[in-house]
Amino acid sequence: MSSIVISSLNARGLNEPRKRSQVMALLQRDKVSIAFFQETHFKIDRVPKMPHRRFSQWYHSPYTAASSRGVSVGFHKSIPFLLHSSKVDPDGRYLFLKGKIGKTPVTLANVYAPNRGQIPWLIRVLALLCDFREGMIILGGDINVALEPELDSSTKKSALTHKSLRALKKQLRSLGVVDVWRSLNPLERDYTFFSAAKASYQ
């Protein structure tokens, strides 16, 4: 487990064959073991094959109504993941996988929170995860929340209330989930996304 490399990426659509190939090349370059994708935009009847022989095991939560949303989890062939059960969101916003990596019980959760009402949505989904989980939890995704606004947002502010952020953090702590990057970089500022609507980096 100590040598597993996990990547989480908001792909903004993976229906184009060229883009899928580029993303898979990125996974190979970074020696990724487990990949979490959000916004795959796969429809339930049009889930394409992921073009990489080394990532042989894929699980998807497509959106049934349109080519939007969607989350996926992929495993490199070197990861001996054995699936026991799964929970798939029909709205394409989360995917829970429960099983074992070797002899270690794990639960993998990939979530893509909405842009509005994300705190109550996340608290509800995390409660579902709490009931579903077994063993170690690996949570990835795009939660659309700056957990530490003063560090995680260039404006140092959040449109969300302190009370709602505290409630979300409490739910995460109850699952034993921590922000790994922030734990390793407690005072660093680094952004992955520019929000034109909020005129800020997050």
Protein backbone atom coordinates (compact mmCIF):
# COMPACT_ATOMS: atom_id res chain seq x y z
CA MET A 1 0.00 0.00 0.00
CA SER A 2 2.89 2.38 0.68
CA SER A 3 3.94 2.43 -2.99
CA ILE A 4 0.52 3.16 -4.49
CA VAL A 5 0.24 6.43 -6.44
CA ILE A 6 -3.27 7.90 -6.62
CA SER A 7 -4.37 10.64 -9.00
CA SER A 8 -7.63 12.62 -9.01
CA LEU A 9 -8.52 14.70 -12.06
CA ASN A 10 -11.51 16.71 -13.22
CA ALA A 11 -11.32 15.75 -16.89
CA ARG A 12 -14.10 17.99 -18.27
CA GLY A 13 -15.13 15.31 -20.70
CA LEU A 14 -13.49 12.13 -21.92
CA ASN A 15 -15.65 11.25 -24.89
CA GLU A 16 -13.02 12.35 -27.43
CA PRO A 17 -10.65 9.44 -28.26
CA ARG A 18 -7.67 11.81 -28.56
CA LYS A 19 -8.29 13.29 -25.12
CA ARG A 20 -8.63 9.85 -23.55
CA SER A 21 -5.29 8.87 -25.07
CA GLN A 22 -3.66 12.04 -23.75
CA VAL A 23 -5.03 11.45 -20.25
CA MET A 24 -3.89 7.84 -20.24
CA ALA A 25 -0.41 8.95 -21.32
CA LEU A 26 -0.43 11.35 -18.37
CA LEU A 27 -1.25 8.49 -16.00
CA GLN A 28 1.63 6.45 -17.42
CA ARG A 29 4.06 9.38 -17.17
CA ASP A 30 3.18 9.94 -13.50
CA LYS A 31 3.23 6.20 -12.73
CA VAL A 32 -0.32 6.33 -11.37
CA SER A 33 -1.67 3.19 -9.70
CA ILE A 34 -5.30 4.26 -9.13
CA ALA A 35 -7.01 7.01 -11.14
CA PHE A 36 -10.07 8.99 -10.09
CA PHE A 37 -11.80 10.97 -12.86
CA GLN A 38 -14.63 13.47 -12.48
CA GLU A 39 -16.73 14.96 -15.29
CA THR A 40 -16.16 12.08 -17.66
CA HIS A 41 -19.41 13.05 -19.45
CA PHE A 42 -20.11 9.39 -20.21
CA LYS A 43 -23.74 8.42 -20.80
CA ILE A 44 -24.95 5.13 -19.41
CA ASP A 45 -25.28 3.55 -22.86
CA ARG A 46 -22.09 5.10 -24.28
CA VAL A 47 -19.21 4.32 -21.94
CA PRO A 48 -16.11 4.03 -24.14
CA LYS A 49 -13.17 1.75 -23.53
CA MET A 50 -10.21 3.41 -21.88
CA PRO A 51 -7.27 3.02 -24.31
CA HIS A 52 -4.49 1.67 -22.15
CA ARG A 53 -3.56 -1.97 -21.73
CA ARG A 54 -1.95 -1.30 -18.35
CA PHE A 55 -5.18 0.05 -16.84
CA SER A 56 -7.28 -3.04 -17.24
CA GLN A 57 -9.91 -2.56 -14.52
CA TRP A 58 -12.43 0.31 -14.72
CA TYR A 59 -15.61 1.23 -12.86
CA HIS A 60 -17.96 4.02 -13.91
CA SER A 61 -20.86 6.07 -12.62
CA PRO A 62 -22.26 7.68 -15.79
CA TYR A 63 -25.12 10.17 -15.86
CA THR A 64 -28.25 8.70 -17.34
CA ALA A 65 -29.89 11.93 -18.53
CA ALA A 66 -27.14 13.61 -20.56
CA SER A 67 -23.48 13.70 -21.53
CA SER A 68 -22.38 15.52 -18.39
CA ARG A 69 -21.16 14.77 -14.86
CA GLY A 70 -19.92 11.18 -14.49
CA VAL A 71 -17.12 9.73 -12.37
CA SER A 72 -14.78 6.79 -12.97
CA VAL A 73 -12.12 4.84 -11.10
CA GLY A 74 -9.38 2.90 -12.89
CA PHE A 75 -6.76 0.48 -11.58
CA HIS A 76 -3.34 -0.25 -13.00
CA LYS A 77 -2.84 -3.93 -13.68
CA SER A 78 -0.21 -4.07 -10.91
CA ILE A 79 -2.91 -3.30 -8.30
CA PRO A 80 -4.61 -6.53 -7.17
CA PHE A 81 -8.00 -4.98 -6.47
CA LEU A 82 -10.84 -7.42 -5.83
CA LEU A 83 -14.29 -5.84 -5.83
CA HIS A 84 -16.82 -7.00 -3.23
CA SER A 85 -19.59 -4.45 -3.78
CA SER A 86 -20.25 -1.03 -5.26
CA LYS A 87 -22.65 1.88 -4.92
CA VAL A 88 -23.30 3.86 -8.09
CA ASP A 89 -25.09 7.22 -8.14
CA PRO A 90 -27.65 7.39 -10.99
CA ASP A 91 -26.94 11.14 -11.19
CA GLY A 92 -23.28 10.43 -11.97
CA ARG A 93 -21.90 12.29 -8.96
CA TYR A 94 -20.37 9.54 -6.85
CA LEU A 95 -19.04 6.01 -7.02
CA PHE A 96 -18.17 3.82 -4.03
CA LEU A 97 -16.13 0.63 -4.42
CA LYS A 98 -15.59 -1.81 -1.56
CA GLY A 99 -13.11 -4.65 -1.75
CA LYS A 100 -9.51 -5.61 -1.11
CA ILE A 101 -6.12 -4.58 -2.42
CA GLY A 102 -4.16 -7.72 -1.74
CA LYS A 103 -5.19 -8.57 1.82
CA THR A 104 -6.08 -5.01 2.84
CA PRO A 105 -9.83 -4.11 3.03
CA VAL A 106 -10.42 -0.77 1.31
CA THR A 107 -13.28 1.49 0.29
CA LEU A 108 -12.66 3.86 -2.59
CA ALA A 109 -14.98 6.83 -3.03
CA ASN A 110 -14.94 9.20 -6.00
CA VAL A 111 -17.22 12.24 -5.63
CA TYR A 112 -18.11 15.20 -7.83
CA ALA A 113 -20.05 17.73 -5.79
CA PRO A 114 -22.41 20.28 -7.36
CA ASN A 115 -21.41 23.96 -7.57
CA ARG A 116 -24.30 25.00 -5.35
CA GLY A 117 -25.62 23.39 -2.20
CA GLN A 118 -22.42 21.36 -2.00
CA ILE A 119 -22.20 21.26 1.81
CA PRO A 120 -25.56 19.54 2.46
CA TRP A 121 -24.95 17.32 -0.58
CA LEU A 122 -21.51 16.29 0.69
CA ILE A 123 -22.75 15.66 4.22
CA ARG A 124 -25.52 13.42 2.84
CA VAL A 125 -23.14 11.50 0.55
CA LEU A 126 -20.53 11.12 3.29
CA ALA A 127 -23.23 9.67 5.54
CA LEU A 128 -23.96 7.10 2.81
CA LEU A 129 -20.24 6.37 2.60
CA CYS A 130 -20.11 5.89 6.38
CA ASP A 131 -22.77 3.16 6.13
CA PHE A 132 -21.13 1.55 3.10
CA ARG A 133 -17.46 1.62 4.10
CA GLU A 134 -15.18 -1.18 5.19
CA GLY A 135 -11.48 -0.93 5.99
CA MET A 136 -9.34 1.97 4.82
CA ILE A 137 -11.16 4.82 3.03
CA ILE A 138 -9.55 6.41 -0.01
CA LEU A 139 -11.58 9.48 -0.96
CA GLY A 140 -10.89 11.40 -4.15
CA GLY A 141 -12.81 13.78 -6.34
CA ASP A 142 -13.87 17.37 -6.81
CA ILE A 143 -15.80 18.58 -3.77
CA ASN A 144 -16.12 22.21 -4.97
CA VAL A 145 -15.23 23.44 -1.48
CA ALA A 146 -12.15 25.24 -0.17
CA LEU A 147 -11.81 23.57 3.22
CA GLU A 148 -9.29 26.19 4.37
CA PRO A 149 -10.33 29.36 2.48
CA GLU A 150 -7.43 31.47 3.78
CA LEU A 151 -4.99 29.03 2.20
CA ASP A 152 -7.02 27.26 -0.51
CA SER A 153 -8.44 30.35 -2.25
CA SER A 154 -6.58 33.34 -3.70
CA THR A 155 -9.25 35.66 -2.26
CA LYS A 156 -8.79 34.05 1.19
CA LYS A 157 -12.58 34.03 1.48
CA SER A 158 -15.45 31.59 1.05
CA ALA A 159 -19.07 32.12 0.11
CA LEU A 160 -19.89 29.33 2.55
CA THR A 161 -20.49 29.98 6.23
CA HIS A 162 -18.02 28.98 8.92
CA LYS A 163 -20.77 26.86 10.46
CA SER A 164 -21.29 24.83 7.27
CA LEU A 165 -17.55 24.33 6.79
CA ARG A 166 -17.22 23.13 10.39
CA ALA A 167 -20.07 20.65 9.81
CA LEU A 168 -18.35 19.27 6.72
CA LYS A 169 -14.97 18.96 8.47
CA LYS A 170 -16.66 17.16 11.36
CA GLN A 171 -18.18 14.64 8.94
CA LEU A 172 -14.80 14.09 7.29
CA ARG A 173 -13.13 13.56 10.68
CA SER A 174 -15.79 11.02 11.65
CA LEU A 175 -14.69 8.95 8.63
CA GLY A 176 -11.02 9.38 9.48
CA VAL A 177 -10.51 11.27 6.21
CA VAL A 178 -7.82 13.95 5.94
CA ASP A 179 -6.66 16.24 3.13
CA VAL A 180 -3.37 14.51 2.35
CA TRP A 181 -1.84 17.37 0.35
CA ARG A 182 -2.70 19.93 3.03
CA SER A 183 -1.32 17.65 5.76
CA LEU A 184 1.99 17.42 3.90
CA ASN A 185 1.98 21.13 3.01
CA PRO A 186 0.31 22.87 5.96
CA LEU A 187 1.16 26.46 4.97
CA GLU A 188 1.62 26.21 1.19
CA ARG A 189 -0.52 27.93 -1.41
CA ASP A 190 -1.04 26.07 -4.69
CA TYR A 191 -4.06 26.23 -6.96
CA THR A 192 -5.42 23.87 -9.60
CA PHE A 193 -8.39 25.84 -10.95
CA PHE A 194 -9.36 29.41 -11.87
CA SER A 195 -13.01 30.27 -11.27
CA ALA A 196 -14.08 33.03 -13.64
CA ALA A 197 -17.41 33.34 -11.83
CA LYS A 198 -15.64 33.94 -8.50
CA ALA A 199 -12.59 35.66 -10.03
CA SER A 200 -10.33 33.54 -7.87
CA TYR A 201 -7.86 30.67 -7.97
CA GLN A 202 -8.72 27.58 -5.96
